[in-house]
Amino acid sequence: MAHLSVVRAVEDRLKDGFTGCPVYVENEVSETPTNATAWALLDFPWSRADWITADEFQEEGGFRVVVAVPRRDGAHRARSWLDEIAALFRGQSFEGVQCYAPQSASSDDQSERGAYFRLSLTVPYEFIITE
């Protein structure tokens, strides 16, 4: 589970720096938006922490941004937005979060479900937790 400081820092940076479509965070909405417009979802699918000194722990993890666009609109707009989002985080350090190189936008056999086509990227990060 990602440290709350990481979640808040990433959420703030994404919502402040990206205006292409509404951005939701995990468990913020209970259903997929139904107004057939694009949207993005930020979640934190993995992290782990190691004890590095008496009062410091190093968290390594990845956060994912999923962009959903209406089906049959093509994927170029979503890929463009994900490129923009990747640039917000690529090699950046903010509020103690060190981001590394995001993966390129990807899709899979589950990308086309319901009214939307989904693409995602994952950004690896590190964060030092001090106790």
C-alpha atoms as a PDB file:
ATOM      1  CA  MET A   1       0.000   0.000   0.000  1.00  0.00           C
ATOM      2  CA  ALA A   2       1.396   3.378  -0.977  1.00  0.00           C
ATOM      3  CA  HIS A   3       2.185   5.809   1.836  1.00  0.00           C
ATOM      4  CA  LEU A   4      -0.502   8.487   2.214  1.00  0.00           C
ATOM      5  CA  SER A   5       2.083  11.235   1.612  1.00  0.00           C
ATOM      6  CA  VAL A   6       2.885   9.707  -1.785  1.00  0.00           C
ATOM      7  CA  VAL A   7      -0.782   9.391  -2.720  1.00  0.00           C
ATOM      8  CA  ARG A   8      -1.527  13.009  -1.848  1.00  0.00           C
ATOM      9  CA  ALA A   9       1.596  14.389  -3.561  1.00  0.00           C
ATOM     10  CA  VAL A  10       0.961  12.472  -6.799  1.00  0.00           C
ATOM     11  CA  GLU A  11      -2.749  13.293  -6.793  1.00  0.00           C
ATOM     12  CA  ASP A  12      -2.076  17.004  -6.304  1.00  0.00           C
ATOM     13  CA  ARG A  13       0.587  17.111  -9.020  1.00  0.00           C
ATOM     14  CA  LEU A  14      -1.637  15.264 -11.503  1.00  0.00           C
ATOM     15  CA  LYS A  15      -4.740  17.340 -10.852  1.00  0.00           C
ATOM     16  CA  ASP A  16      -2.758  20.621 -10.923  1.00  0.00           C
ATOM     17  CA  GLY A  17      -0.755  19.785 -14.039  1.00  0.00           C
ATOM     18  CA  PHE A  18      -3.204  17.936 -16.275  1.00  0.00           C
ATOM     19  CA  THR A  19      -6.440  19.433 -17.572  1.00  0.00           C
ATOM     20  CA  GLY A  20      -7.292  17.181 -20.518  1.00  0.00           C
ATOM     21  CA  CYS A  21     -10.158  15.383 -18.784  1.00  0.00           C
ATOM     22  CA  PRO A  22     -11.525  14.837 -15.265  1.00  0.00           C
ATOM     23  CA  VAL A  23      -9.181  12.874 -12.995  1.00  0.00           C
ATOM     24  CA  TYR A  24     -10.548  10.543 -10.340  1.00  0.00           C
ATOM     25  CA  VAL A  25      -8.623   8.708  -7.643  1.00  0.00           C
ATOM     26  CA  GLU A  26      -9.266   5.164  -6.504  1.00  0.00           C
ATOM     27  CA  ASN A  27     -12.570   4.735  -4.670  1.00  0.00           C
ATOM     28  CA  GLU A  28     -13.643   8.327  -5.412  1.00  0.00           C
ATOM     29  CA  VAL A  29     -16.504   7.333  -7.700  1.00  0.00           C
ATOM     30  CA  SER A  30     -18.631   4.231  -7.364  1.00  0.00           C
ATOM     31  CA  GLU A  31     -19.465   3.715 -11.044  1.00  0.00           C
ATOM     32  CA  THR A  32     -17.932   4.395 -14.424  1.00  0.00           C
ATOM     33  CA  PRO A  33     -18.981   7.857 -15.631  1.00  0.00           C
ATOM     34  CA  THR A  34     -21.906   7.476 -18.005  1.00  0.00           C
ATOM     35  CA  ASN A  35     -21.828  10.778 -19.874  1.00  0.00           C
ATOM     36  CA  ALA A  36     -19.630   9.295 -22.651  1.00  0.00           C
ATOM     37  CA  THR A  37     -16.781  11.761 -22.162  1.00  0.00           C
ATOM     38  CA  ALA A  38     -13.155  10.943 -21.457  1.00  0.00           C
ATOM     39  CA  TRP A  39     -11.876  10.508 -17.903  1.00  0.00           C
ATOM     40  CA  ALA A  40      -8.755   9.360 -16.049  1.00  0.00           C
ATOM     41  CA  LEU A  41      -8.198   7.243 -12.953  1.00  0.00           C
ATOM     42  CA  LEU A  42      -5.171   7.345 -10.647  1.00  0.00           C
ATOM     43  CA  ASP A  43      -4.416   4.281  -8.542  1.00  0.00           C
ATOM     44  CA  PHE A  44      -1.521   2.739  -6.671  1.00  0.00           C
ATOM     45  CA  PRO A  45      -1.392  -0.973  -7.557  1.00  0.00           C
ATOM     46  CA  TRP A  46       1.886  -1.885  -5.881  1.00  0.00           C
ATOM     47  CA  SER A  47       4.511  -0.796  -3.394  1.00  0.00           C
ATOM     48  CA  ARG A  48       6.932  -2.313  -0.914  1.00  0.00           C
ATOM     49  CA  ALA A  49       9.095  -0.867   1.815  1.00  0.00           C
ATOM     50  CA  ASP A  50      12.502  -1.835   3.180  1.00  0.00           C
ATOM     51  CA  TRP A  51      14.019  -0.823   6.484  1.00  0.00           C
ATOM     52  CA  ILE A  52      17.186   1.134   5.640  1.00  0.00           C
ATOM     53  CA  THR A  53      18.236   2.829   8.920  1.00  0.00           C
ATOM     54  CA  ALA A  54      16.974   2.957  12.486  1.00  0.00           C
ATOM     55  CA  ASP A  55      14.311   5.499  11.607  1.00  0.00           C
ATOM     56  CA  GLU A  56      14.044   5.405   7.799  1.00  0.00           C
ATOM     57  CA  PHE A  57      12.214   3.128   5.415  1.00  0.00           C
ATOM     58  CA  GLN A  58      12.466   3.203   1.644  1.00  0.00           C
ATOM     59  CA  GLU A  59       9.219   2.677  -0.231  1.00  0.00           C
ATOM     60  CA  GLU A  60       9.387   1.624  -3.853  1.00  0.00           C
ATOM     61  CA  GLY A  61       6.261   1.383  -5.909  1.00  0.00           C
ATOM     62  CA  GLY A  62       4.373   2.386  -8.975  1.00  0.00           C
ATOM     63  CA  PHE A  63       1.289   4.439  -9.588  1.00  0.00           C
ATOM     64  CA  ARG A  64      -0.909   3.952 -12.610  1.00  0.00           C
ATOM     65  CA  VAL A  65      -2.942   6.402 -14.644  1.00  0.00           C
ATOM     66  CA  VAL A  66      -5.708   4.936 -16.773  1.00  0.00           C
ATOM     67  CA  VAL A  67      -7.269   7.144 -19.434  1.00  0.00           C
ATOM     68  CA  ALA A  68     -10.638   6.131 -20.859  1.00  0.00           C
ATOM     69  CA  VAL A  69     -11.967   7.612 -24.082  1.00  0.00           C
ATOM     70  CA  PRO A  70     -15.269   6.851 -25.800  1.00  0.00           C
ATOM     71  CA  ARG A  71     -15.106   3.737 -27.966  1.00  0.00           C
ATOM     72  CA  ARG A  72     -14.568   4.291 -31.662  1.00  0.00           C
ATOM     73  CA  ASP A  73     -12.920   7.682 -31.052  1.00  0.00           C
ATOM     74  CA  GLY A  74      -9.492   6.159 -31.674  1.00  0.00           C
ATOM     75  CA  ALA A  75      -6.658   6.009 -29.172  1.00  0.00           C
ATOM     76  CA  HIS A  76      -4.525   8.956 -30.300  1.00  0.00           C
ATOM     77  CA  ARG A  77      -6.099  11.449 -27.896  1.00  0.00           C
ATOM     78  CA  ALA A  78      -5.607   9.085 -24.939  1.00  0.00           C
ATOM     79  CA  ARG A  79      -1.995   8.382 -25.941  1.00  0.00           C
ATOM     80  CA  SER A  80      -1.351  12.115 -26.276  1.00  0.00           C
ATOM     81  CA  TRP A  81      -2.767  12.747 -22.804  1.00  0.00           C
ATOM     82  CA  LEU A  82      -0.734   9.908 -21.317  1.00  0.00           C
ATOM     83  CA  ASP A  83       2.401  11.376 -22.938  1.00  0.00           C
ATOM     84  CA  GLU A  84       1.538  14.695 -21.282  1.00  0.00           C
ATOM     85  CA  ILE A  85       1.013  12.965 -17.924  1.00  0.00           C
ATOM     86  CA  ALA A  86       4.281  11.026 -18.293  1.00  0.00           C
ATOM     87  CA  ALA A  87       6.121  14.326 -18.811  1.00  0.00           C
ATOM     88  CA  LEU A  88       4.659  15.648 -15.521  1.00  0.00           C
ATOM     89  CA  PHE A  89       6.391  12.838 -13.633  1.00  0.00           C
ATOM     90  CA  ARG A  90       9.353  11.625 -15.711  1.00  0.00           C
ATOM     91  CA  GLY A  91      12.499  12.060 -13.602  1.00  0.00           C
ATOM     92  CA  GLN A  92      10.761  14.534 -11.288  1.00  0.00           C
ATOM     93  CA  SER A  93      11.156  14.868  -7.533  1.00  0.00           C
ATOM     94  CA  PHE A  94       8.455  16.581  -5.450  1.00  0.00           C
ATOM     95  CA  GLU A  95       7.342  16.450  -1.822  1.00  0.00           C
ATOM     96  CA  GLY A  96       9.833  13.642  -1.159  1.00  0.00           C
ATOM     97  CA  VAL A  97       8.624  11.484  -4.053  1.00  0.00           C
ATOM     98  CA  GLN A  98      11.282  10.578  -6.648  1.00  0.00           C
ATOM     99  CA  CYS A  99       9.732   9.459  -9.936  1.00  0.00           C
ATOM    100  CA  TYR A 100      11.581   7.515 -12.596  1.00  0.00           C
ATOM    101  CA  ALA A 101      10.856   6.689 -16.251  1.00  0.00           C
ATOM    102  CA  PRO A 102       7.173   5.936 -16.911  1.00  0.00           C
ATOM    103  CA  GLN A 103       6.240   3.095 -19.198  1.00  0.00           C
ATOM    104  CA  SER A 104       4.751   4.057 -22.533  1.00  0.00           C
ATOM    105  CA  ALA A 105       0.976   3.953 -22.833  1.00  0.00           C
ATOM    106  CA  SER A 106      -0.275   0.404 -23.123  1.00  0.00           C
ATOM    107  CA  SER A 107      -3.468  -1.453 -23.856  1.00  0.00           C
ATOM    108  CA  ASP A 108      -4.472  -5.074 -23.507  1.00  0.00           C
ATOM    109  CA  ASP A 109      -7.315  -7.432 -24.364  1.00  0.00           C
ATOM    110  CA  GLN A 110      -9.447  -5.785 -21.661  1.00  0.00           C
ATOM    111  CA  SER A 111      -8.985  -2.234 -22.998  1.00  0.00           C
ATOM    112  CA  GLU A 112     -12.218  -2.169 -24.948  1.00  0.00           C
ATOM    113  CA  ARG A 113     -15.021  -2.686 -22.432  1.00  0.00           C
ATOM    114  CA  GLY A 114     -18.389  -1.034 -22.288  1.00  0.00           C
ATOM    115  CA  ALA A 115     -18.573   2.467 -23.727  1.00  0.00           C
ATOM    116  CA  TYR A 116     -14.835   3.191 -23.296  1.00  0.00           C
ATOM    117  CA  PHE A 117     -11.416   2.266 -24.621  1.00  0.00           C
ATOM    118  CA  ARG A 118      -8.756   2.328 -21.888  1.00  0.00           C
ATOM    119  CA  LEU A 119      -5.013   2.920 -22.046  1.00  0.00           C
ATOM    120  CA  SER A 120      -2.680   3.174 -19.079  1.00  0.00           C
ATOM    121  CA  LEU A 121       0.844   3.984 -17.977  1.00  0.00           C
ATOM    122  CA  THR A 122       2.728   3.217 -14.799  1.00  0.00           C
ATOM    123  CA  VAL A 123       5.259   5.503 -13.117  1.00  0.00           C
ATOM    124  CA  PRO A 124       7.808   3.893 -10.760  1.00  0.00           C
ATOM    125  CA  TYR A 125       8.746   5.929  -7.681  1.00  0.00           C
ATOM    126  CA  GLU A 126      10.718   5.935  -4.424  1.00  0.00           C
ATOM    127  CA  PHE A 127       9.868   7.620  -1.160  1.00  0.00           C
ATOM    128  CA  ILE A 128      11.735   7.728   2.150  1.00  0.00           C
ATOM    129  CA  ILE A 129       9.501   7.281   5.162  1.00  0.00           C
ATOM    130  CA  THR A 130      10.946   8.691   8.371  1.00  0.00           C
ATOM    131  CA  GLU A 131       9.639   7.675  11.757  1.00  0.00           C
END
